Amino acid sequence: MYKVIINKQLLKSLDKIPVVYLLGIKKAINDLTKNPRPFGYVKLAGSEKHYRIRVGVYRILYSIEDDILVVEIIKIDHRRNVYR
Protein backbone atom coordinates (compact mmCIF):
# COMPACT_ATOMS: atom_id res chain seq x y z
CA MET A 1 0.00 0.00 0.00
CA TYR A 2 1.42 3.37 -1.04
CA LYS A 3 1.28 6.52 1.06
CA VAL A 4 -0.03 9.64 -0.72
CA ILE A 5 1.55 12.98 0.19
CA ILE A 6 -0.26 16.24 -0.59
CA ASN A 7 1.10 19.60 0.56
CA LYS A 8 -1.11 22.13 2.36
CA GLN A 9 -1.05 24.67 -0.46
CA LEU A 10 -2.37 22.07 -2.88
CA LEU A 11 -5.16 21.15 -0.44
CA LYS A 12 -6.22 24.80 -0.34
CA SER A 13 -6.37 24.97 -4.12
CA LEU A 14 -8.85 22.08 -4.14
CA ASP A 15 -11.48 24.45 -2.72
CA LYS A 16 -11.60 26.25 -6.08
CA ILE A 17 -12.47 23.09 -8.02
CA PRO A 18 -16.19 22.49 -8.73
CA VAL A 19 -17.76 19.77 -6.56
CA VAL A 20 -18.65 17.69 -9.61
CA TYR A 21 -14.96 17.14 -10.34
CA LEU A 22 -13.77 17.25 -6.74
CA LEU A 23 -15.45 13.96 -5.85
CA GLY A 24 -13.74 12.22 -8.77
CA ILE A 25 -10.39 13.77 -7.90
CA LYS A 26 -10.61 12.61 -4.29
CA LYS A 27 -11.52 9.09 -5.43
CA ALA A 28 -8.63 9.03 -7.91
CA ILE A 29 -6.17 10.16 -5.22
CA ASN A 30 -7.49 7.54 -2.83
CA ASP A 31 -7.13 4.86 -5.53
CA LEU A 32 -3.45 5.81 -5.97
CA THR A 33 -2.76 4.23 -2.57
CA LYS A 34 -3.68 0.84 -4.00
CA ASN A 35 -2.41 1.24 -7.56
CA PRO A 36 -0.15 4.20 -8.44
CA ARG A 37 -0.30 3.27 -12.12
CA PRO A 38 -4.03 2.98 -12.85
CA PHE A 39 -5.62 2.47 -16.24
CA GLY A 40 -5.14 5.61 -18.32
CA TYR A 41 -2.08 6.95 -16.51
CA VAL A 42 0.58 8.61 -18.69
CA LYS A 43 4.27 8.98 -17.97
CA LEU A 44 5.35 12.57 -18.53
CA ALA A 45 7.99 13.15 -21.19
CA GLY A 46 11.46 13.94 -19.91
CA SER A 47 10.94 12.47 -16.45
CA GLU A 48 11.52 9.09 -14.90
CA LYS A 49 9.14 9.40 -11.95
CA HIS A 50 6.38 11.82 -13.01
CA TYR A 51 2.96 10.73 -14.22
CA ARG A 52 -0.50 12.13 -14.83
CA ILE A 53 -4.05 10.87 -14.66
CA ARG A 54 -7.21 12.45 -16.01
CA VAL A 55 -10.32 13.22 -14.01
CA GLY A 56 -12.74 14.87 -16.40
CA VAL A 57 -11.15 18.14 -17.55
CA TYR A 58 -8.72 18.10 -14.61
CA ARG A 59 -5.30 16.51 -14.44
CA ILE A 60 -3.44 15.14 -11.43
CA LEU A 61 0.34 15.27 -11.76
CA TYR A 62 2.25 13.06 -9.35
CA SER A 63 5.53 11.28 -8.75
CA ILE A 64 6.10 7.73 -7.55
CA GLU A 65 8.87 6.54 -5.24
CA ASP A 66 8.58 2.74 -5.53
CA ASP A 67 11.45 1.98 -3.16
CA ILE A 68 9.70 3.71 -0.21
CA LEU A 69 6.09 3.25 -1.41
CA VAL A 70 5.23 6.95 -1.65
CA VAL A 71 3.10 8.85 -4.17
CA GLU A 72 3.53 12.63 -4.04
CA ILE A 73 0.85 14.78 -5.65
CA ILE A 74 2.60 17.62 -7.48
CA LYS A 75 -0.26 19.55 -9.06
CA ILE A 76 -4.00 19.36 -9.66
CA ASP A 77 -5.44 21.79 -12.18
CA HIS A 78 -7.60 22.25 -15.25
CA ARG A 79 -6.11 20.68 -18.36
CA ARG A 80 -5.39 24.05 -20.00
CA ASN A 81 -3.38 25.29 -16.98
CA VAL A 82 -1.72 22.22 -15.51
CA TYR A 83 1.42 22.11 -17.67
CA ARG A 84 2.32 25.82 -17.31
C-alpha atoms as a PDB file:
ATOM      1  CA  MET A   1       0.000   0.000   0.000  1.00  0.00           C
ATOM      2  CA  TYR A   2       1.415   3.373  -1.044  1.00  0.00           C
ATOM      3  CA  LYS A   3       1.284   6.521   1.062  1.00  0.00           C
ATOM      4  CA  VAL A   4      -0.035   9.635  -0.716  1.00  0.00           C
ATOM      5  CA  ILE A   5       1.552  12.977   0.188  1.00  0.00           C
ATOM      6  CA  ILE A   6      -0.257  16.237  -0.593  1.00  0.00           C
ATOM      7  CA  ASN A   7       1.105  19.599   0.558  1.00  0.00           C
ATOM      8  CA  LYS A   8      -1.114  22.127   2.361  1.00  0.00           C
ATOM      9  CA  GLN A   9      -1.049  24.667  -0.459  1.00  0.00           C
ATOM     10  CA  LEU A  10      -2.375  22.071  -2.876  1.00  0.00           C
ATOM     11  CA  LEU A  11      -5.164  21.149  -0.443  1.00  0.00           C
ATOM     12  CA  LYS A  12      -6.223  24.803  -0.335  1.00  0.00           C
ATOM     13  CA  SER A  13      -6.368  24.973  -4.122  1.00  0.00           C
ATOM     14  CA  LEU A  14      -8.852  22.079  -4.140  1.00  0.00           C
ATOM     15  CA  ASP A  15     -11.482  24.454  -2.719  1.00  0.00           C
ATOM     16  CA  LYS A  16     -11.595  26.250  -6.085  1.00  0.00           C
ATOM     17  CA  ILE A  17     -12.473  23.088  -8.022  1.00  0.00           C
ATOM     18  CA  PRO A  18     -16.191  22.489  -8.730  1.00  0.00           C
ATOM     19  CA  VAL A  19     -17.761  19.775  -6.558  1.00  0.00           C
ATOM     20  CA  VAL A  20     -18.653  17.693  -9.611  1.00  0.00           C
ATOM     21  CA  TYR A  21     -14.958  17.141 -10.339  1.00  0.00           C
ATOM     22  CA  LEU A  22     -13.765  17.246  -6.738  1.00  0.00           C
ATOM     23  CA  LEU A  23     -15.454  13.959  -5.853  1.00  0.00           C
ATOM     24  CA  GLY A  24     -13.738  12.216  -8.769  1.00  0.00           C
ATOM     25  CA  ILE A  25     -10.386  13.769  -7.900  1.00  0.00           C
ATOM     26  CA  LYS A  26     -10.614  12.607  -4.288  1.00  0.00           C
ATOM     27  CA  LYS A  27     -11.521   9.092  -5.425  1.00  0.00           C
ATOM     28  CA  ALA A  28      -8.634   9.032  -7.906  1.00  0.00           C
ATOM     29  CA  ILE A  29      -6.171  10.163  -5.223  1.00  0.00           C
ATOM     30  CA  ASN A  30      -7.487   7.540  -2.828  1.00  0.00           C
ATOM     31  CA  ASP A  31      -7.126   4.863  -5.526  1.00  0.00           C
ATOM     32  CA  LEU A  32      -3.454   5.812  -5.971  1.00  0.00           C
ATOM     33  CA  THR A  33      -2.759   4.232  -2.572  1.00  0.00           C
ATOM     34  CA  LYS A  34      -3.679   0.837  -4.000  1.00  0.00           C
ATOM     35  CA  ASN A  35      -2.411   1.237  -7.560  1.00  0.00           C
ATOM     36  CA  PRO A  36      -0.154   4.202  -8.440  1.00  0.00           C
ATOM     37  CA  ARG A  37      -0.304   3.274 -12.124  1.00  0.00           C
ATOM     38  CA  PRO A  38      -4.033   2.985 -12.847  1.00  0.00           C
ATOM     39  CA  PHE A  39      -5.622   2.465 -16.241  1.00  0.00           C
ATOM     40  CA  GLY A  40      -5.143   5.613 -18.323  1.00  0.00           C
ATOM     41  CA  TYR A  41      -2.081   6.951 -16.514  1.00  0.00           C
ATOM     42  CA  VAL A  42       0.582   8.608 -18.686  1.00  0.00           C
ATOM     43  CA  LYS A  43       4.271   8.976 -17.971  1.00  0.00           C
ATOM     44  CA  LEU A  44       5.353  12.572 -18.533  1.00  0.00           C
ATOM     45  CA  ALA A  45       7.992  13.147 -21.185  1.00  0.00           C
ATOM     46  CA  GLY A  46      11.460  13.942 -19.913  1.00  0.00           C
ATOM     47  CA  SER A  47      10.943  12.472 -16.452  1.00  0.00           C
ATOM     48  CA  GLU A  48      11.522   9.092 -14.901  1.00  0.00           C
ATOM     49  CA  LYS A  49       9.144   9.397 -11.946  1.00  0.00           C
ATOM     50  CA  HIS A  50       6.379  11.825 -13.011  1.00  0.00           C
ATOM     51  CA  TYR A  51       2.958  10.730 -14.224  1.00  0.00           C
ATOM     52  CA  ARG A  52      -0.497  12.131 -14.829  1.00  0.00           C
ATOM     53  CA  ILE A  53      -4.048  10.872 -14.657  1.00  0.00           C
ATOM     54  CA  ARG A  54      -7.205  12.451 -16.015  1.00  0.00           C
ATOM     55  CA  VAL A  55     -10.318  13.219 -14.014  1.00  0.00           C
ATOM     56  CA  GLY A  56     -12.739  14.875 -16.402  1.00  0.00           C
ATOM     57  CA  VAL A  57     -11.150  18.142 -17.547  1.00  0.00           C
ATOM     58  CA  TYR A  58      -8.722  18.099 -14.613  1.00  0.00           C
ATOM     59  CA  ARG A  59      -5.296  16.506 -14.436  1.00  0.00           C
ATOM     60  CA  ILE A  60      -3.441  15.143 -11.434  1.00  0.00           C
ATOM     61  CA  LEU A  61       0.342  15.269 -11.757  1.00  0.00           C
ATOM     62  CA  TYR A  62       2.247  13.064  -9.347  1.00  0.00           C
ATOM     63  CA  SER A  63       5.525  11.278  -8.754  1.00  0.00           C
ATOM     64  CA  ILE A  64       6.102   7.726  -7.551  1.00  0.00           C
ATOM     65  CA  GLU A  65       8.866   6.536  -5.237  1.00  0.00           C
ATOM     66  CA  ASP A  66       8.581   2.743  -5.526  1.00  0.00           C
ATOM     67  CA  ASP A  67      11.447   1.983  -3.158  1.00  0.00           C
ATOM     68  CA  ILE A  68       9.702   3.707  -0.207  1.00  0.00           C
ATOM     69  CA  LEU A  69       6.090   3.247  -1.414  1.00  0.00           C
ATOM     70  CA  VAL A  70       5.229   6.949  -1.652  1.00  0.00           C
ATOM     71  CA  VAL A  71       3.101   8.846  -4.167  1.00  0.00           C
ATOM     72  CA  GLU A  72       3.535  12.633  -4.039  1.00  0.00           C
ATOM     73  CA  ILE A  73       0.852  14.779  -5.650  1.00  0.00           C
ATOM     74  CA  ILE A  74       2.597  17.621  -7.481  1.00  0.00           C
ATOM     75  CA  LYS A  75      -0.262  19.553  -9.062  1.00  0.00           C
ATOM     76  CA  ILE A  76      -4.003  19.361  -9.660  1.00  0.00           C
ATOM     77  CA  ASP A  77      -5.443  21.790 -12.179  1.00  0.00           C
ATOM     78  CA  HIS A  78      -7.598  22.246 -15.245  1.00  0.00           C
ATOM     79  CA  ARG A  79      -6.114  20.683 -18.355  1.00  0.00           C
ATOM     80  CA  ARG A  80      -5.392  24.051 -20.000  1.00  0.00           C
ATOM     81  CA  ASN A  81      -3.378  25.293 -16.981  1.00  0.00           C
ATOM     82  CA  VAL A  82      -1.719  22.215 -15.512  1.00  0.00           C
ATOM     83  CA  TYR A  83       1.424  22.108 -17.666  1.00  0.00           C
ATOM     84  CA  ARG A  84       2.321  25.817 -17.312  1.00  0.00           C
END
